[in-house]
């Protein structure tokens, strides 16, 4: 809970900085229901348009397979 609170408090500072530098990471979390495992995948920061395309591709992959694509 503490890390979630820290992330929320940092958002007003980090979001404008990312907008100015045009560097956005893509992060995907997918929960594996039977054992409660969380699958996490994160990219290095990239341009907005590229990040948007990666996020869309990952969303389709997660819908189809239930987890982020393999690295």
N, C-alpha and C. Protein backbone atom coordinates (compact mmCIF):
# COMPACT_ATOMS: atom_id res chain seq x y z
N UNK A 1 0.82 -1.18 0.00
CA UNK A 1 0.00 0.00 0.00
C UNK A 1 0.87 1.26 0.00
N UNK A 2 1.99 1.18 0.67
CA UNK A 2 2.88 2.34 0.75
C UNK A 2 3.44 2.71 -0.62
N UNK A 3 3.81 1.71 -1.44
CA UNK A 3 4.34 2.02 -2.76
C UNK A 3 3.26 2.61 -3.66
N UNK A 4 2.03 2.15 -3.51
CA UNK A 4 0.92 2.72 -4.30
C UNK A 4 0.67 4.17 -3.92
N UNK A 5 0.74 4.47 -2.64
CA UNK A 5 0.57 5.84 -2.18
C UNK A 5 1.70 6.73 -2.69
N UNK A 6 2.91 6.22 -2.66
CA UNK A 6 4.06 6.97 -3.19
C UNK A 6 3.92 7.26 -4.67
N UNK A 7 3.43 6.29 -5.42
CA UNK A 7 3.22 6.48 -6.86
C UNK A 7 2.16 7.55 -7.11
N UNK A 8 1.10 7.52 -6.34
CA UNK A 8 0.05 8.54 -6.51
C UNK A 8 0.56 9.94 -6.18
N UNK A 9 1.37 10.05 -5.16
CA UNK A 9 1.90 11.35 -4.78
C UNK A 9 2.93 11.87 -5.79
N UNK A 10 3.65 10.97 -6.46
CA UNK A 10 4.65 11.38 -7.45
C UNK A 10 4.05 11.73 -8.80
N UNK A 11 2.84 11.27 -9.08
CA UNK A 11 2.22 11.47 -10.38
C UNK A 11 2.17 12.94 -10.83
N UNK A 12 1.78 13.90 -9.97
CA UNK A 12 1.74 15.30 -10.44
C UNK A 12 3.10 15.85 -10.85
N UNK A 13 4.17 15.23 -10.41
CA UNK A 13 5.51 15.67 -10.80
C UNK A 13 6.03 14.93 -12.03
N UNK A 14 5.80 13.63 -12.07
CA UNK A 14 6.36 12.80 -13.13
C UNK A 14 5.60 12.99 -14.44
N UNK A 15 4.30 13.08 -14.40
CA UNK A 15 3.50 13.17 -15.63
C UNK A 15 3.87 14.37 -16.48
N UNK A 16 3.95 15.58 -15.93
CA UNK A 16 4.36 16.73 -16.76
C UNK A 16 5.78 16.57 -17.31
N UNK A 17 6.68 16.00 -16.52
CA UNK A 17 8.04 15.79 -16.98
C UNK A 17 8.06 14.85 -18.18
N UNK A 18 7.27 13.77 -18.13
CA UNK A 18 7.18 12.84 -19.27
C UNK A 18 6.58 13.53 -20.49
N UNK A 19 5.59 14.38 -20.28
CA UNK A 19 4.96 15.08 -21.40
C UNK A 19 5.96 16.03 -22.08
N UNK A 20 6.78 16.71 -21.31
CA UNK A 20 7.76 17.65 -21.87
C UNK A 20 8.87 16.90 -22.61
N UNK A 21 9.36 15.80 -22.03
CA UNK A 21 10.46 15.06 -22.64
C UNK A 21 9.97 14.05 -23.69
N UNK A 22 8.67 13.80 -23.74
CA UNK A 22 8.05 12.83 -24.66
C UNK A 22 8.67 11.44 -24.49
N UNK A 23 8.86 11.02 -23.27
CA UNK A 23 9.41 9.70 -22.95
C UNK A 23 8.41 8.98 -22.04
N UNK A 24 7.83 7.88 -22.54
CA UNK A 24 6.77 7.16 -21.83
C UNK A 24 7.11 5.68 -21.76
N UNK A 25 7.12 5.07 -20.58
CA UNK A 25 7.28 3.61 -20.51
C UNK A 25 5.91 2.95 -20.71
N UNK A 26 5.94 1.71 -21.12
CA UNK A 26 4.71 0.92 -21.20
C UNK A 26 4.84 -0.17 -20.14
N UNK A 27 3.84 -0.28 -19.28
CA UNK A 27 3.86 -1.26 -18.20
C UNK A 27 2.59 -2.10 -18.30
N UNK A 28 2.74 -3.41 -18.23
CA UNK A 28 1.58 -4.30 -18.29
C UNK A 28 1.59 -5.22 -17.07
N UNK A 29 0.46 -5.32 -16.42
CA UNK A 29 0.25 -6.25 -15.32
C UNK A 29 -0.87 -7.19 -15.73
N UNK A 30 -0.66 -8.46 -15.55
CA UNK A 30 -1.73 -9.42 -15.79
C UNK A 30 -1.76 -10.39 -14.62
N UNK A 31 -2.91 -10.55 -14.03
CA UNK A 31 -3.06 -11.44 -12.88
C UNK A 31 -3.36 -12.85 -13.36
N UNK A 32 -2.67 -13.81 -12.77
CA UNK A 32 -2.94 -15.21 -13.06
C UNK A 32 -3.83 -15.72 -11.93
N UNK A 33 -5.12 -15.80 -12.18
CA UNK A 33 -6.13 -16.07 -11.16
C UNK A 33 -5.90 -17.33 -10.32
N UNK A 34 -5.55 -18.49 -10.88
CA UNK A 34 -5.47 -19.70 -10.05
C UNK A 34 -4.50 -19.60 -8.86
N UNK A 35 -3.31 -19.07 -9.08
CA UNK A 35 -2.35 -19.02 -7.96
C UNK A 35 -2.05 -17.60 -7.49
N UNK A 36 -2.67 -16.60 -8.07
CA UNK A 36 -2.50 -15.22 -7.63
C UNK A 36 -1.21 -14.57 -8.10
N UNK A 37 -0.51 -15.19 -9.04
CA UNK A 37 0.74 -14.64 -9.56
C UNK A 37 0.45 -13.42 -10.44
N UNK A 38 1.32 -12.42 -10.34
CA UNK A 38 1.20 -11.24 -11.18
C UNK A 38 2.31 -11.27 -12.22
N UNK A 39 1.94 -11.20 -13.50
CA UNK A 39 2.92 -11.13 -14.58
C UNK A 39 3.13 -9.66 -14.89
N UNK A 40 4.38 -9.22 -14.89
CA UNK A 40 4.72 -7.82 -15.12
C UNK A 40 5.67 -7.71 -16.29
N UNK A 41 5.43 -6.73 -17.12
CA UNK A 41 6.34 -6.43 -18.24
C UNK A 41 6.42 -4.93 -18.36
N UNK A 42 7.64 -4.41 -18.55
CA UNK A 42 7.86 -2.97 -18.65
C UNK A 42 8.88 -2.69 -19.74
N UNK A 43 8.66 -1.63 -20.50
CA UNK A 43 9.61 -1.22 -21.52
C UNK A 43 10.42 -0.03 -21.02
N UNK A 44 11.55 0.23 -21.62
CA UNK A 44 12.23 1.49 -21.34
C UNK A 44 11.38 2.63 -21.92
N UNK A 45 11.57 3.85 -21.46
CA UNK A 45 10.78 4.96 -22.01
C UNK A 45 10.99 5.13 -23.51
N UNK A 46 9.91 5.47 -24.21
CA UNK A 46 9.94 5.66 -25.66
C UNK A 46 9.00 6.79 -26.03
N UNK A 47 9.03 7.20 -27.28
CA UNK A 47 8.16 8.27 -27.77
C UNK A 47 6.69 7.86 -27.61
N UNK A 48 5.82 8.88 -27.49
CA UNK A 48 4.39 8.67 -27.24
C UNK A 48 3.75 7.75 -28.28
N UNK A 49 3.99 8.01 -29.57
CA UNK A 49 3.33 7.22 -30.61
C UNK A 49 3.77 5.76 -30.57
N UNK A 50 5.06 5.53 -30.33
CA UNK A 50 5.55 4.16 -30.23
C UNK A 50 4.97 3.48 -29.00
N UNK A 51 4.93 4.18 -27.87
CA UNK A 51 4.38 3.62 -26.64
C UNK A 51 2.90 3.26 -26.82
N UNK A 52 2.18 4.10 -27.54
CA UNK A 52 0.76 3.83 -27.78
C UNK A 52 0.58 2.55 -28.61
N UNK A 53 1.42 2.37 -29.63
CA UNK A 53 1.33 1.16 -30.46
C UNK A 53 1.70 -0.09 -29.66
N UNK A 54 2.74 0.00 -28.84
CA UNK A 54 3.14 -1.14 -28.01
C UNK A 54 2.03 -1.49 -27.01
N UNK A 55 1.44 -0.49 -26.39
CA UNK A 55 0.36 -0.72 -25.43
C UNK A 55 -0.83 -1.42 -26.09
N UNK A 56 -1.17 -1.00 -27.30
CA UNK A 56 -2.28 -1.63 -28.01
C UNK A 56 -1.95 -3.08 -28.37
N UNK A 57 -0.74 -3.33 -28.84
CA UNK A 57 -0.33 -4.70 -29.18
C UNK A 57 -0.34 -5.59 -27.94
N UNK A 58 0.16 -5.06 -26.82
CA UNK A 58 0.17 -5.84 -25.58
C UNK A 58 -1.24 -6.12 -25.10
N UNK A 59 -2.13 -5.14 -25.21
CA UNK A 59 -3.51 -5.34 -24.78
C UNK A 59 -4.16 -6.48 -25.57
N UNK A 60 -3.92 -6.50 -26.88
CA UNK A 60 -4.47 -7.58 -27.70
C UNK A 60 -3.86 -8.93 -27.30
N UNK A 61 -2.57 -8.95 -27.04
CA UNK A 61 -1.90 -10.19 -26.64
C UNK A 61 -2.44 -10.68 -25.29
N UNK A 62 -2.61 -9.77 -24.34
CA UNK A 62 -3.13 -10.14 -23.02
C UNK A 62 -4.56 -10.67 -23.13
N UNK A 63 -5.39 -10.03 -23.96
CA UNK A 63 -6.75 -10.54 -24.17
C UNK A 63 -6.73 -11.95 -24.71
N UNK A 64 -5.83 -12.21 -25.64
CA UNK A 64 -5.78 -13.51 -26.30
C UNK A 64 -5.16 -14.59 -25.40
N UNK A 65 -4.04 -14.26 -24.72
CA UNK A 65 -3.28 -15.27 -24.00
C UNK A 65 -3.31 -15.14 -22.48
N UNK A 66 -3.82 -14.03 -21.97
CA UNK A 66 -3.95 -13.86 -20.53
C UNK A 66 -2.72 -13.38 -19.80
N UNK A 67 -1.67 -13.01 -20.55
CA UNK A 67 -0.46 -12.48 -19.93
C UNK A 67 0.29 -11.61 -20.94
N UNK A 68 1.18 -10.74 -20.44
CA UNK A 68 1.96 -9.92 -21.37
C UNK A 68 2.85 -10.80 -22.24
N UNK A 69 3.25 -10.32 -23.42
CA UNK A 69 4.11 -11.12 -24.29
C UNK A 69 5.46 -11.40 -23.62
N UNK A 70 6.08 -12.50 -24.00
CA UNK A 70 7.40 -12.85 -23.47
C UNK A 70 8.42 -11.82 -23.93
N UNK A 71 9.45 -11.66 -23.16
CA UNK A 71 10.49 -10.67 -23.50
C UNK A 71 11.26 -11.07 -24.68
